[in-house]
Amino acid sequence: MIKNNYYEGFVSAITLNEINNIPENHKEKFIKLIDNDDDTINNIEYIGNLLIKKKIIPENMMDDALHISNYIFSSMNYLISWNCKHITNAKVLREIKILLLNEGINKNIEIYTPMEVIYV
């Protein structure tokens, strides 16, 4: 659906780091360039750290916190993840929304598994 321009995709820097661990012959299929300014990067790190500090995301799962934070500061409408323990989880979503309200961030976040959005 992204390939057919039905959806616009976004790949975070965290995902790009993860992609670096896959075999060379598959990397080109996944790599996308992203461009974040310093303020955005600082905001991403701040919210990522808050997600850990408030125990919304476990301390040893900083990459998950940064995935969420990257999404929050992106122009994307949805975060799609198979990680049902720390990301695609109703309790986590509720706590993130409360955190954002407390921080004065007005973004309607929506987090789904791929299966929830695969059909139009």
PDB file of N, CA and C in Angstrom:
ATOM      1  N   MET A   1       0.823  -1.192   0.000  1.00  0.00           N
ATOM      2  CA  MET A   1       0.000   0.000   0.000  1.00  0.00           C
ATOM      3  C   MET A   1       0.872   1.263   0.000  1.00  0.00           C
ATOM      4  N   ILE A   2       2.025   1.192   0.677  1.00  0.00           N
ATOM      5  CA  ILE A   2       2.950   2.319   0.637  1.00  0.00           C
ATOM      6  C   ILE A   2       3.513   2.459  -0.774  1.00  0.00           C
ATOM      7  N   LYS A   3       3.877   1.331  -1.359  1.00  0.00           N
ATOM      8  CA  LYS A   3       4.433   1.321  -2.709  1.00  0.00           C
ATOM      9  C   LYS A   3       3.459   1.923  -3.724  1.00  0.00           C
ATOM     10  N   ASN A   4       2.169   1.726  -3.515  1.00  0.00           N
ATOM     11  CA  ASN A   4       1.141   2.254  -4.409  1.00  0.00           C
ATOM     12  C   ASN A   4       0.649   3.633  -3.991  1.00  0.00           C
ATOM     13  N   ASN A   5       1.376   4.280  -3.073  1.00  0.00           N
ATOM     14  CA  ASN A   5       1.075   5.638  -2.602  1.00  0.00           C
ATOM     15  C   ASN A   5      -0.268   5.767  -1.899  1.00  0.00           C
ATOM     16  N   TYR A   6      -0.780   4.647  -1.383  1.00  0.00           N
ATOM     17  CA  TYR A   6      -2.002   4.733  -0.596  1.00  0.00           C
ATOM     18  C   TYR A   6      -1.679   5.285   0.793  1.00  0.00           C
ATOM     19  N   TYR A   7      -0.533   4.864   1.326  1.00  0.00           N
ATOM     20  CA  TYR A   7      -0.020   5.370   2.595  1.00  0.00           C
ATOM     21  C   TYR A   7       1.373   5.917   2.366  1.00  0.00           C
ATOM     22  N   GLU A   8       1.782   6.867   3.212  1.00  0.00           N
ATOM     23  CA  GLU A   8       3.151   7.346   3.204  1.00  0.00           C
ATOM     24  C   GLU A   8       3.875   6.659   4.356  1.00  0.00           C
ATOM     25  N   GLY A   9       5.019   6.079   4.089  1.00  0.00           N
ATOM     26  CA  GLY A   9       5.776   5.377   5.117  1.00  0.00           C
ATOM     27  C   GLY A   9       6.816   6.267   5.749  1.00  0.00           C
ATOM     28  N   PHE A  10       7.245   5.917   6.943  1.00  0.00           N
ATOM     29  CA  PHE A  10       8.288   6.633   7.662  1.00  0.00           C
ATOM     30  C   PHE A  10       9.139   5.604   8.389  1.00  0.00           C
ATOM     31  N   VAL A  11      10.432   5.732   8.286  1.00  0.00           N
ATOM     32  CA  VAL A  11      11.338   4.829   8.973  1.00  0.00           C
ATOM     33  C   VAL A  11      12.200   5.674   9.895  1.00  0.00           C
ATOM     34  N   SER A  12      12.179   5.371  11.181  1.00  0.00           N
ATOM     35  CA  SER A  12      12.938   6.153  12.158  1.00  0.00           C
ATOM     36  C   SER A  12      14.408   5.784  12.131  1.00  0.00           C
ATOM     37  N   ALA A  13      15.226   6.615  12.752  1.00  0.00           N
ATOM     38  CA  ALA A  13      16.659   6.333  12.865  1.00  0.00           C
ATOM     39  C   ALA A  13      16.888   5.044  13.647  1.00  0.00           C
ATOM     40  N   ILE A  14      16.028   4.757  14.608  1.00  0.00           N
ATOM     41  CA  ILE A  14      16.138   3.518  15.386  1.00  0.00           C
ATOM     42  C   ILE A  14      15.978   2.322  14.448  1.00  0.00           C
ATOM     43  N   THR A  15      14.974   2.386  13.595  1.00  0.00           N
ATOM     44  CA  THR A  15      14.743   1.297  12.651  1.00  0.00           C
ATOM     45  C   THR A  15      15.916   1.169  11.685  1.00  0.00           C
ATOM     46  N   LEU A  16      16.468   2.295  11.245  1.00  0.00           N
ATOM     47  CA  LEU A  16      17.624   2.238  10.357  1.00  0.00           C
ATOM     48  C   LEU A  16      18.792   1.517  11.029  1.00  0.00           C
ATOM     49  N   ASN A  17      19.002   1.756  12.318  1.00  0.00           N
ATOM     50  CA  ASN A  17      20.050   1.037  13.050  1.00  0.00           C
ATOM     51  C   ASN A  17      19.761  -0.457  13.089  1.00  0.00           C
ATOM     52  N   GLU A  18      18.499  -0.816  13.287  1.00  0.00           N
ATOM     53  CA  GLU A  18      18.131  -2.228  13.300  1.00  0.00           C
ATOM     54  C   GLU A  18      18.358  -2.857  11.921  1.00  0.00           C
ATOM     55  N   ILE A  19      18.064  -2.107  10.887  1.00  0.00           N
ATOM     56  CA  ILE A  19      18.241  -2.600   9.522  1.00  0.00           C
ATOM     57  C   ILE A  19      19.718  -2.886   9.236  1.00  0.00           C
ATOM     58  N   ASN A  20      20.602  -2.131   9.878  1.00  0.00           N
ATOM     59  CA  ASN A  20      22.035  -2.368   9.667  1.00  0.00           C
ATOM     60  C   ASN A  20      22.469  -3.761  10.089  1.00  0.00           C
ATOM     61  N   ASN A  21      21.655  -4.456  10.864  1.00  0.00           N
ATOM     62  CA  ASN A  21      21.990  -5.805  11.322  1.00  0.00           C
ATOM     63  C   ASN A  21      21.481  -6.906  10.397  1.00  0.00           C
ATOM     64  N   ILE A  22      20.799  -6.558   9.320  1.00  0.00           N
ATOM     65  CA  ILE A  22      20.296  -7.587   8.402  1.00  0.00           C
ATOM     66  C   ILE A  22      21.285  -7.780   7.261  1.00  0.00           C
ATOM     67  N   PRO A  23      21.198  -8.890   6.528  1.00  0.00           N
ATOM     68  CA  PRO A  23      22.138  -9.147   5.426  1.00  0.00           C
ATOM     69  C   PRO A  23      22.126  -8.026   4.381  1.00  0.00           C
ATOM     70  N   GLU A  24      23.311  -7.755   3.838  1.00  0.00           N
ATOM     71  CA  GLU A  24      23.499  -6.663   2.873  1.00  0.00           C
ATOM     72  C   GLU A  24      22.509  -6.713   1.708  1.00  0.00           C
ATOM     73  N   ASN A  25      22.220  -7.902   1.202  1.00  0.00           N
ATOM     74  CA  ASN A  25      21.363  -8.003   0.018  1.00  0.00           C
ATOM     75  C   ASN A  25      19.908  -7.609   0.296  1.00  0.00           C
ATOM     76  N   HIS A  26      19.529  -7.425   1.557  1.00  0.00           N
ATOM     77  CA  HIS A  26      18.165  -7.010   1.894  1.00  0.00           C
ATOM     78  C   HIS A  26      18.075  -5.554   2.336  1.00  0.00           C
ATOM     79  N   LYS A  27      19.183  -4.933   2.693  1.00  0.00           N
ATOM     80  CA  LYS A  27      19.173  -3.572   3.240  1.00  0.00           C
ATOM     81  C   LYS A  27      18.528  -2.551   2.305  1.00  0.00           C
ATOM     82  N   GLU A  28      18.883  -2.603   1.028  1.00  0.00           N
ATOM     83  CA  GLU A  28      18.386  -1.606   0.084  1.00  0.00           C
ATOM     84  C   GLU A  28      16.865  -1.575   0.006  1.00  0.00           C
ATOM     85  N   LYS A  29      16.217  -2.686   0.288  1.00  0.00           N
ATOM     86  CA  LYS A  29      14.756  -2.748   0.249  1.00  0.00           C
ATOM     87  C   LYS A  29      14.122  -1.945   1.377  1.00  0.00           C
ATOM     88  N   PHE A  30      14.861  -1.729   2.451  1.00  0.00           N
ATOM     89  CA  PHE A  30      14.285  -1.134   3.653  1.00  0.00           C
ATOM     90  C   PHE A  30      14.751   0.287   3.963  1.00  0.00           C
ATOM     91  N   ILE A  31      15.908   0.669   3.470  1.00  0.00           N
ATOM     92  CA  ILE A  31      16.496   1.950   3.890  1.00  0.00           C
ATOM     93  C   ILE A  31      15.745   3.135   3.278  1.00  0.00           C
ATOM     94  N   LYS A  32      15.429   4.090   4.129  1.00  0.00           N
ATOM     95  CA  LYS A  32      14.851   5.370   3.711  1.00  0.00           C
ATOM     96  C   LYS A  32      15.617   6.462   4.440  1.00  0.00           C
ATOM     97  N   LEU A  33      15.811   7.585   3.800  1.00  0.00           N
ATOM     98  CA  LEU A  33      16.500   8.690   4.452  1.00  0.00           C
ATOM     99  C   LEU A  33      15.508   9.499   5.273  1.00  0.00           C
ATOM    100  N   ILE A  34      15.955   9.931   6.444  1.00  0.00           N
ATOM    101  CA  ILE A  34      15.120  10.816   7.265  1.00  0.00           C
ATOM    102  C   ILE A  34      15.918  12.069   7.559  1.00  0.00           C
ATOM    103  N   ASP A  35      15.224  13.136   7.819  1.00  0.00           N
ATOM    104  CA  ASP A  35      15.871  14.411   8.093  1.00  0.00           C
ATOM    105  C   ASP A  35      15.178  15.048   9.284  1.00  0.00           C
ATOM    106  N   ASN A  36      15.878  15.086  10.415  1.00  0.00           N
ATOM    107  CA  ASN A  36      15.343  15.709  11.627  1.00  0.00           C
ATOM    108  C   ASN A  36      16.240  16.864  12.042  1.00  0.00           C
ATOM    109  N   ASP A  37      15.631  18.000  12.418  1.00  0.00           N
ATOM    110  CA  ASP A  37      16.435  19.106  12.914  1.00  0.00           C
ATOM    111  C   ASP A  37      16.784  18.877  14.390  1.00  0.00           C
ATOM    112  N   ASP A  38      17.674  19.704  14.940  1.00  0.00           N
ATOM    113  CA  ASP A  38      18.155  19.524  16.309  1.00  0.00           C
ATOM    114  C   ASP A  38      17.034  19.617  17.340  1.00  0.00           C
ATOM    115  N   ASP A  39      16.086  20.554  17.157  1.00  0.00           N
ATOM    116  CA  ASP A  39      14.970  20.683  18.108  1.00  0.00           C
ATOM    117  C   ASP A  39      14.135  19.413  18.131  1.00  0.00           C
ATOM    118  N   THR A  40      13.873  18.851  16.964  1.00  0.00           N
ATOM    119  CA  THR A  40      13.092  17.614  16.895  1.00  0.00           C
ATOM    120  C   THR A  40      13.836  16.486  17.585  1.00  0.00           C
ATOM    121  N   ILE A  41      15.129  16.378  17.335  1.00  0.00           N
ATOM    122  CA  ILE A  41      15.923  15.329  17.975  1.00  0.00           C
ATOM    123  C   ILE A  41      15.905  15.491  19.487  1.00  0.00           C
ATOM    124  N   ASN A  42      16.038  16.723  19.989  1.00  0.00           N
ATOM    125  CA  ASN A  42      15.989  16.970  21.435  1.00  0.00           C
ATOM    126  C   ASN A  42      14.629  16.594  22.010  1.00  0.00           C
ATOM    127  N   ASN A  43      13.551  16.933  21.301  1.00  0.00           N
ATOM    128  CA  ASN A  43      12.204  16.582  21.759  1.00  0.00           C
ATOM    129  C   ASN A  43      12.005  15.070  21.769  1.00  0.00           C
ATOM    130  N   ILE A  44      12.505  14.398  20.748  1.00  0.00           N
ATOM    131  CA  ILE A  44      12.394  12.936  20.668  1.00  0.00           C
ATOM    132  C   ILE A  44      13.101  12.302  21.857  1.00  0.00           C
ATOM    133  N   GLU A  45      14.301  12.764  22.147  1.00  0.00           N
ATOM    134  CA  GLU A  45      15.053  12.218  23.282  1.00  0.00           C
ATOM    135  C   GLU A  45      14.360  12.528  24.603  1.00  0.00           C
ATOM    136  N   TYR A  46      13.823  13.741  24.749  1.00  0.00           N
ATOM    137  CA  TYR A  46      13.141  14.136  25.982  1.00  0.00           C
ATOM    138  C   TYR A  46      11.935  13.226  26.252  1.00  0.00           C
ATOM    139  N   ILE A  47      11.070  13.066  25.271  1.00  0.00           N
ATOM    140  CA  ILE A  47       9.877  12.232  25.464  1.00  0.00           C
ATOM    141  C   ILE A  47      10.282  10.764  25.626  1.00  0.00           C
ATOM    142  N   GLY A  48      11.259  10.305  24.874  1.00  0.00           N
ATOM    143  CA  GLY A  48      11.746   8.937  25.044  1.00  0.00           C
ATOM    144  C   GLY A  48      12.198   8.687  26.471  1.00  0.00           C
ATOM    145  N   ASN A  49      12.968   9.624  27.019  1.00  0.00           N
ATOM    146  CA  ASN A  49      13.421   9.497  28.407  1.00  0.00           C
ATOM    147  C   ASN A  49      12.266   9.569  29.396  1.00  0.00           C
ATOM    148  N   LEU A  50      11.270  10.419  29.118  1.00  0.00           N
ATOM    149  CA  LEU A  50      10.098  10.501  29.999  1.00  0.00           C
ATOM    150  C   LEU A  50       9.300   9.194  30.007  1.00  0.00           C
ATOM    151  N   LEU A  51       9.178   8.569  28.841  1.00  0.00           N
ATOM    152  CA  LEU A  51       8.469   7.287  28.764  1.00  0.00           C
ATOM    153  C   LEU A  51       9.130   6.250  29.677  1.00  0.00           C
ATOM    154  N   ILE A  52      10.450   6.303  29.754  1.00  0.00           N
ATOM    155  CA  ILE A  52      11.193   5.401  30.641  1.00  0.00           C
ATOM    156  C   ILE A  52      11.035   5.839  32.096  1.00  0.00           C
ATOM    157  N   LYS A  53      11.237   7.129  32.356  1.00  0.00           N
ATOM    158  CA  LYS A  53      11.169   7.668  33.726  1.00  0.00           C
ATOM    159  C   LYS A  53       9.809   7.400  34.373  1.00  0.00           C
ATOM    160  N   LYS A  54       8.738   7.546  33.591  1.00  0.00           N
ATOM    161  CA  LYS A  54       7.377   7.342  34.104  1.00  0.00           C
ATOM    162  C   LYS A  54       6.983   5.867  34.104  1.00  0.00           C
ATOM    163  N   LYS A  55       7.929   5.006  33.701  1.00  0.00           N
ATOM    164  CA  LYS A  55       7.734   3.544  33.685  1.00  0.00           C
ATOM    165  C   LYS A  55       6.616   3.091  32.744  1.00  0.00           C
ATOM    166  N   ILE A  56       6.379   3.891  31.712  1.00  0.00           N
ATOM    167  CA  ILE A  56       5.432   3.496  30.672  1.00  0.00           C
ATOM    168  C   ILE A  56       6.094   2.430  29.797  1.00  0.00           C
ATOM    169  N   ILE A  57       7.372   2.628  29.547  1.00  0.00           N
ATOM    170  CA  ILE A  57       8.205   1.678  28.813  1.00  0.00           C
ATOM    171  C   ILE A  57       9.306   1.228  29.774  1.00  0.00           C
ATOM    172  N   PRO A  58       9.620  -0.079  29.827  1.00  0.00           N
ATOM    173  CA  PRO A  58      10.677  -0.547  30.732  1.00  0.00           C
ATOM    174  C   PRO A  58      12.031   0.109  30.434  1.00  0.00           C
ATOM    175  N   GLU A  59      12.819   0.284  31.482  1.00  0.00           N
ATOM    176  CA  GLU A  59      14.101   0.975  31.377  1.00  0.00           C
ATOM    177  C   GLU A  59      15.036   0.355  30.337  1.00  0.00           C
ATOM    178  N   ASN A  60      14.989  -0.954  30.201  1.00  0.00           N
ATOM    179  CA  ASN A  60      15.886  -1.626  29.255  1.00  0.00           C
ATOM    180  C   ASN A  60      15.342  -1.631  27.820  1.00  0.00           C
ATOM    181  N   MET A  61      14.277  -0.902  27.558  1.00  0.00           N
ATOM    182  CA  MET A  61      13.656  -0.865  26.230  1.00  0.00           C
ATOM    183  C   MET A  61      13.668   0.552  25.645  1.00  0.00           C
ATOM    184  N   MET A  62      14.824   1.230  25.771  1.00  0.00           N
ATOM    185  CA  MET A  62      14.929   2.605  25.283  1.00  0.00           C
ATOM    186  C   MET A  62      14.623   2.701  23.789  1.00  0.00           C
ATOM    187  N   ASP A  63      15.023   1.711  22.993  1.00  0.00           N
ATOM    188  CA  ASP A  63      14.703   1.766  21.562  1.00  0.00           C
ATOM    189  C   ASP A  63      13.195   1.812  21.332  1.00  0.00           C
ATOM    190  N   ASP A  64      12.419   1.078  22.129  1.00  0.00           N
ATOM    191  CA  ASP A  64      10.954   1.121  22.009  1.00  0.00           C
ATOM    192  C   ASP A  64      10.444   2.519  22.350  1.00  0.00           C
ATOM    193  N   ALA A  65      10.991   3.110  23.407  1.00  0.00           N
ATOM    194  CA  ALA A  65      10.594   4.467  23.805  1.00  0.00           C
ATOM    195  C   ALA A  65      10.919   5.460  22.688  1.00  0.00           C
ATOM    196  N   LEU A  66      12.073   5.292  22.059  1.00  0.00           N
ATOM    197  CA  LEU A  66      12.456   6.198  20.981  1.00  0.00           C
ATOM    198  C   LEU A  66      11.640   5.964  19.706  1.00  0.00           C
ATOM    199  N   HIS A  67      11.227   4.713  19.460  1.00  0.00           N
ATOM    200  CA  HIS A  67      10.314   4.447  18.334  1.00  0.00           C
ATOM    201  C   HIS A  67       9.032   5.259  18.524  1.00  0.00           C
ATOM    202  N   ILE A  68       8.481   5.189  19.711  1.00  0.00           N
ATOM    203  CA  ILE A  68       7.233   5.905  20.013  1.00  0.00           C
ATOM    204  C   ILE A  68       7.447   7.405  19.895  1.00  0.00           C
ATOM    205  N   SER A  69       8.522   7.888  20.478  1.00  0.00           N
ATOM    206  CA  SER A  69       8.802   9.320  20.463  1.00  0.00           C
ATOM    207  C   SER A  69       9.055   9.835  19.049  1.00  0.00           C
ATOM    208  N   ASN A  70       9.765   9.070  18.233  1.00  0.00           N
ATOM    209  CA  ASN A  70       9.953   9.450  16.827  1.00  0.00           C
ATOM    210  C   ASN A  70       8.610   9.621  16.142  1.00  0.00           C
ATOM    211  N   TYR A  71       7.710   8.689  16.392  1.00  0.00           N
ATOM    212  CA  TYR A  71       6.369   8.774  15.797  1.00  0.00           C
ATOM    213  C   TYR A  71       5.645  10.032  16.269  1.00  0.00           C
ATOM    214  N   ILE A  72       5.712  10.320  17.560  1.00  0.00           N
ATOM    215  CA  ILE A  72       5.009  11.475  18.121  1.00  0.00           C
ATOM    216  C   ILE A  72       5.422  12.761  17.410  1.00  0.00           C
ATOM    217  N   PHE A  73       6.705  12.890  17.100  1.00  0.00           N
ATOM    218  CA  PHE A  73       7.195  14.116  16.481  1.00  0.00           C
ATOM    219  C   PHE A  73       7.274  14.040  14.956  1.00  0.00           C
ATOM    220  N   SER A  74       6.718  12.982  14.393  1.00  0.00           N
ATOM    221  CA  SER A  74       6.665  12.872  12.933  1.00  0.00           C
ATOM    222  C   SER A  74       5.323  13.422  12.448  1.00  0.00           C
ATOM    223  N   SER A  75       5.168  13.457  11.143  1.00  0.00           N
ATOM    224  CA  SER A  75       3.891  13.875  10.568  1.00  0.00           C
ATOM    225  C   SER A  75       3.002  12.666  10.256  1.00  0.00           C
ATOM    226  N   MET A  76       3.433  11.498  10.674  1.00  0.00           N
ATOM    227  CA  MET A  76       2.687  10.267  10.385  1.00  0.00           C
ATOM    228  C   MET A  76       1.418  10.184  11.231  1.00  0.00           C
ATOM    229  N   ASN A  77       0.390   9.584  10.654  1.00  0.00           N
ATOM    230  CA  ASN A  77      -0.887   9.435  11.344  1.00  0.00           C
ATOM    231  C   ASN A  77      -0.930   8.225  12.263  1.00  0.00           C
ATOM    232  N   TYR A  78      -0.158   7.200  11.946  1.00  0.00           N
ATOM    233  CA  TYR A  78      -0.204   5.949  12.706  1.00  0.00           C
ATOM    234  C   TYR A  78       1.201   5.449  12.994  1.00  0.00           C
ATOM    235  N   LEU A  79       1.328   4.739  14.102  1.00  0.00           N
ATOM    236  CA  LEU A  79       2.526   3.954  14.392  1.00  0.00           C
ATOM    237  C   LEU A  79       2.116   2.502  14.249  1.00  0.00           C
ATOM    238  N   ILE A  80       2.820   1.776  13.397  1.00  0.00           N
ATOM    239  CA  ILE A  80       2.512   0.376  13.139  1.00  0.00           C
ATOM    240  C   ILE A  80       3.640  -0.460  13.723  1.00  0.00           C
ATOM    241  N   SER A  81       3.295  -1.418  14.577  1.00  0.00           N
ATOM    242  CA  SER A  81       4.324  -2.227  15.219  1.00  0.00           C
ATOM    243  C   SER A  81       3.777  -3.608  15.564  1.00  0.00           C
ATOM    244  N   TRP A  82       4.670  -4.600  15.504  1.00  0.00           N
ATOM    245  CA  TRP A  82       4.329  -5.947  15.972  1.00  0.00           C
ATOM    246  C   TRP A  82       4.615  -6.088  17.460  1.00  0.00           C
ATOM    247  N   ASN A  83       5.210  -5.085  18.088  1.00  0.00           N
ATOM    248  CA  ASN A  83       5.598  -5.166  19.490  1.00  0.00           C
ATOM    249  C   ASN A  83       4.385  -4.910  20.384  1.00  0.00           C
ATOM    250  N   CYS A  84       3.655  -5.971  20.681  1.00  0.00           N
ATOM    251  CA  CYS A  84       2.422  -5.848  21.461  1.00  0.00           C
ATOM    252  C   CYS A  84       2.684  -5.732  22.969  1.00  0.00           C
ATOM    253  N   LYS A  85       3.896  -5.989  23.391  1.00  0.00           N
ATOM    254  CA  LYS A  85       4.210  -5.899  24.816  1.00  0.00           C
ATOM    255  C   LYS A  85       4.502  -4.460  25.246  1.00  0.00           C
ATOM    256  N   HIS A  86       5.295  -3.728  24.445  1.00  0.00           N
ATOM    257  CA  HIS A  86       5.718  -2.398  24.866  1.00  0.00           C
ATOM    258  C   HIS A  86       5.224  -1.258  23.995  1.00  0.00           C
ATOM    259  N   ILE A  87       4.626  -1.559  22.838  1.00  0.00           N
ATOM    260  CA  ILE A  87       4.200  -0.474  21.947  1.00  0.00           C
ATOM    261  C   ILE A  87       2.723  -0.596  21.589  1.00  0.00           C
ATOM    262  N   THR A  88       2.337  -1.662  20.926  1.00  0.00           N
ATOM    263  CA  THR A  88       0.955  -1.837  20.467  1.00  0.00           C
ATOM    264  C   THR A  88       0.152  -2.489  21.585  1.00  0.00           C
ATOM    265  N   ASN A  89      -0.192  -1.673  22.553  1.00  0.00           N
ATOM    266  CA  ASN A  89      -0.774  -2.181  23.788  1.00  0.00           C
ATOM    267  C   ASN A  89      -1.713  -1.103  24.326  1.00  0.00           C
ATOM    268  N   ALA A  90      -2.942  -1.447  24.629  1.00  0.00           N
ATOM    269  CA  ALA A  90      -3.945  -0.451  25.047  1.00  0.00           C
ATOM    270  C   ALA A  90      -3.524   0.304  26.306  1.00  0.00           C
ATOM    271  N   LYS A  91      -2.931  -0.382  27.268  1.00  0.00           N
ATOM    272  CA  LYS A  91      -2.488   0.272  28.510  1.00  0.00           C
ATOM    273  C   LYS A  91      -1.375   1.275  28.212  1.00  0.00           C
ATOM    274  N   VAL A  92      -0.418   0.869  27.392  1.00  0.00           N
ATOM    275  CA  VAL A  92       0.677   1.759  27.019  1.00  0.00           C
ATOM    276  C   VAL A  92       0.135   2.975  26.261  1.00  0.00           C
ATOM    277  N   LEU A  93      -0.758   2.749  25.323  1.00  0.00           N
ATOM    278  CA  LEU A  93      -1.342   3.844  24.549  1.00  0.00           C
ATOM    279  C   LEU A  93      -2.038   4.854  25.462  1.00  0.00           C
ATOM    280  N   ARG A  94      -2.821   4.366  26.394  1.00  0.00           N
ATOM    281  CA  ARG A  94      -3.526   5.241  27.345  1.00  0.00           C
ATOM    282  C   ARG A  94      -2.527   6.072  28.155  1.00  0.00           C
ATOM    283  N   GLU A  95      -1.466   5.434  28.632  1.00  0.00           N
ATOM    284  CA  GLU A  95      -0.474   6.140  29.446  1.00  0.00           C
ATOM    285  C   GLU A  95       0.316   7.158  28.618  1.00  0.00           C
ATOM    286  N   ILE A  96       0.584   6.830  27.358  1.00  0.00           N
ATOM    287  CA  ILE A  96       1.272   7.783  26.482  1.00  0.00           C
ATOM    288  C   ILE A  96       0.394   9.011  26.265  1.00  0.00           C
ATOM    289  N   LYS A  97      -0.894   8.794  26.019  1.00  0.00           N
ATOM    290  CA  LYS A  97      -1.805   9.917  25.796  1.00  0.00           C
ATOM    291  C   LYS A  97      -1.856  10.838  27.009  1.00  0.00           C
ATOM    292  N   ILE A  98      -1.880  10.265  28.206  1.00  0.00           N
ATOM    293  CA  ILE A  98      -1.880  11.066  29.435  1.00  0.00           C
ATOM    294  C   ILE A  98      -0.580  11.849  29.551  1.00  0.00           C
ATOM    295  N   LEU A  99       0.543  11.198  29.277  1.00  0.00           N
ATOM    296  CA  LEU A  99       1.844  11.858  29.334  1.00  0.00           C
ATOM    297  C   LEU A  99       1.884  13.045  28.370  1.00  0.00           C
ATOM    298  N   LEU A 100       1.410  12.837  27.150  1.00  0.00           N
ATOM    299  CA  LEU A 100       1.429  13.911  26.160  1.00  0.00           C
ATOM    300  C   LEU A 100       0.557  15.084  26.591  1.00  0.00           C
ATOM    301  N   LEU A 101      -0.602  14.796  27.131  1.00  0.00           N
ATOM    302  CA  LEU A 101      -1.463  15.875  27.636  1.00  0.00           C
ATOM    303  C   LEU A 101      -0.756  16.664  28.727  1.00  0.00           C
ATOM    304  N   ASN A 102      -0.105  15.963  29.636  1.00  0.00           N
ATOM    305  CA  ASN A 102       0.623  16.621  30.728  1.00  0.00           C
ATOM    306  C   ASN A 102       1.798  17.451  30.217  1.00  0.00           C
ATOM    307  N   GLU A 103       2.351  17.072  29.075  1.00  0.00           N
ATOM    308  CA  GLU A 103       3.477  17.800  28.482  1.00  0.00           C
ATOM    309  C   GLU A 103       3.017  18.881  27.507  1.00  0.00           C
ATOM    310  N   GLY A 104       1.697  19.016  27.327  1.00  0.00           N
ATOM    311  CA  GLY A 104       1.166  20.030  26.424  1.00  0.00           C
ATOM    312  C   GLY A 104       1.341  19.693  24.951  1.00  0.00           C
ATOM    313  N   ILE A 105       1.486  18.416  24.654  1.00  0.00           N
ATOM    314  CA  ILE A 105       1.643  17.977  23.264  1.00  0.00           C
ATOM    315  C   ILE A 105       0.287  17.524  22.750  1.00  0.00           C
ATOM    316  N   ASN A 106      -0.194  18.202  21.730  1.00  0.00           N
ATOM    317  CA  ASN A 106      -1.518  17.934  21.189  1.00  0.00           C
ATOM    318  C   ASN A 106      -1.396  17.114  19.915  1.00  0.00           C
ATOM    319  N   LYS A 107      -1.320  15.801  20.076  1.00  0.00           N
ATOM    320  CA  LYS A 107      -1.290  14.908  18.915  1.00  0.00           C
ATOM    321  C   LYS A 107      -2.165  13.714  19.236  1.00  0.00           C
ATOM    322  N   ASN A 108      -3.080  13.433  18.344  1.00  0.00           N
ATOM    323  CA  ASN A 108      -3.918  12.254  18.484  1.00  0.00           C
ATOM    324  C   ASN A 108      -3.108  11.063  17.996  1.00  0.00           C
ATOM    325  N   ILE A 109      -2.568  10.282  18.917  1.00  0.00           N
ATOM    326  CA  ILE A 109      -1.732   9.162  18.499  1.00  0.00           C
ATOM    327  C   ILE A 109      -2.575   7.903  18.321  1.00  0.00           C
ATOM    328  N   GLU A 110      -2.208   7.152  17.306  1.00  0.00           N
ATOM    329  CA  GLU A 110      -2.882   5.895  17.016  1.00  0.00           C
ATOM    330  C   GLU A 110      -1.817   4.851  16.750  1.00  0.00           C
ATOM    331  N   ILE A 111      -1.872   3.762  17.510  1.00  0.00           N
ATOM    332  CA  ILE A 111      -0.879   2.699  17.404  1.00  0.00           C
ATOM    333  C   ILE A 111      -1.600   1.393  17.090  1.00  0.00           C
ATOM    334  N   TYR A 112      -1.161   0.726  16.020  1.00  0.00           N
ATOM    335  CA  TYR A 112      -1.811  -0.486  15.556  1.00  0.00           C
ATOM    336  C   TYR A 112      -0.789  -1.557  15.194  1.00  0.00           C
ATOM    337  N   THR A 113      -1.263  -2.792  15.119  1.00  0.00           N
ATOM    338  CA  THR A 113      -0.458  -3.857  14.522  1.00  0.00           C
ATOM    339  C   THR A 113      -0.662  -3.800  13.014  1.00  0.00           C
ATOM    340  N   PRO A 114       0.248  -4.364  12.240  1.00  0.00           N
ATOM    341  CA  PRO A 114       0.045  -4.379  10.780  1.00  0.00           C
ATOM    342  C   PRO A 114      -1.276  -5.019  10.363  1.00  0.00           C
ATOM    343  N   MET A 115      -1.696  -6.049  11.067  1.00  0.00           N
ATOM    344  CA  MET A 115      -2.954  -6.720  10.699  1.00  0.00           C
ATOM    345  C   MET A 115      -4.178  -5.814  10.857  1.00  0.00           C
ATOM    346  N   GLU A 116      -4.082  -4.833  11.741  1.00  0.00           N
ATOM    347  CA  GLU A 116      -5.212  -3.935  11.939  1.00  0.00           C
ATOM    348  C   GLU A 116      -5.358  -2.914  10.816  1.00  0.00           C
ATOM    349  N   VAL A 117      -4.308  -2.701  10.041  1.00  0.00           N
ATOM    350  CA  VAL A 117      -4.378  -1.690   8.986  1.00  0.00           C
ATOM    351  C   VAL A 117      -4.173  -2.256   7.587  1.00  0.00           C
ATOM    352  N   ILE A 118      -3.961  -3.541   7.489  1.00  0.00           N
ATOM    353  CA  ILE A 118      -3.626  -4.131   6.195  1.00  0.00           C
ATOM    354  C   ILE A 118      -4.798  -4.108   5.212  1.00  0.00           C
ATOM    355  N   TYR A 119      -6.003  -4.141   5.709  1.00  0.00           N
ATOM    356  CA  TYR A 119      -7.179  -4.159   4.833  1.00  0.00           C
ATOM    357  C   TYR A 119      -7.819  -2.797   4.788  1.00  0.00           C
ATOM    358  N   VAL A 120      -8.202  -2.370   3.597  1.00  0.00           N
ATOM    359  CA  VAL A 120      -8.818  -1.057   3.400  1.00  0.00           C
ATOM    360  C   VAL A 120     -10.321  -1.210   3.366  1.00  0.00           C
TER     361      VAL A 120
END
